[in-house]
C-alpha cells in the first residue's frame, strides 16, 4: 500500500485499529495506506485534510508514531483520539471529553493506605493546547478531564479509587501523555479527545468489548464537529495556534 498523508494536514492519532476505523469511516475521499510501519488513512473531515494514524497500543508506540507523522508531514495540529476508562461510574459510557492534562504515573505494586495529609505524587504532565480546549468547551460543551496514563489496564476497583483520590485523575488511557508530550516538544498544537468505553474494575475488559464499537462511532461524530469548530475558528492553519 502507498504512503499516505499531505503536508500541513491535521493528524489524528489512534492506538487501536477499531479506533482508526471509526475515524476513517467519517472521511471523505478516504485513501488507505501506511505511514512508515503504521497503518494510516488520508481524506477530508469537512474542510480539513486529515491524516489518521494507528500506532498500536502503548506509550512507546504512540510516541514513535506521533514523531514520525510530525517529521514527515509537519501537521497543523494533532488530535489524540480513542477510548478511555473512567475511574468513577458517574461518567456515563459513551461520554466524550477533551484531555486538558495527561499525566504518566507508575502503577504501585501495593496500594497504600489513604492519608489525607499526603502530598499528591509527582508525575510527568503534558497539556493540551489551551486555544483548542476553549473551542471544544465553548462551541461543543465538551468537559475537560485529567487523564492518568500507564501501559497497564486498571482492572482493580481499589486501584481505580486510589488513582482518582490520590492522583486526581478522572479517566485513564495508555497513550495521551506520550502523544501530547511529543507534540509539545515539536511545537505542534495538540489535544486529546477521548470517550468512556468502560468503568475501571474487573468488568472493564468485558465492558470494552461490548461498548467500544458504539462508543467510538459516537466519538468520531464528535470529532467531526470539533474539527469543524477548529476550522471555523481559524486554528487549522500552520502556526495559527
Foldseek 3Di string as FASTA:
>chain_A
DDDDDAAQFEEEEEADPLLLVLQQVQFDPKDWDDQVPWTWIWGDLVPTTYIYTHQHAAAVSLLVVLLSCCVPHVYLAYEYEEAWAFLDPVADALAKAKEQKEWEDDQDPDQDDDDPPDAQDDTDMFGADPVLNCLCCVVVVHHYFYEYADRDAQAANSSSVSCCPRNVGGIYGHHPRSNRVSCVVVVHGYIYMYGYQYHGHNCGVVSNVVRRNVSSNSSSVSVSVSVVSCVVVVSSGRPND
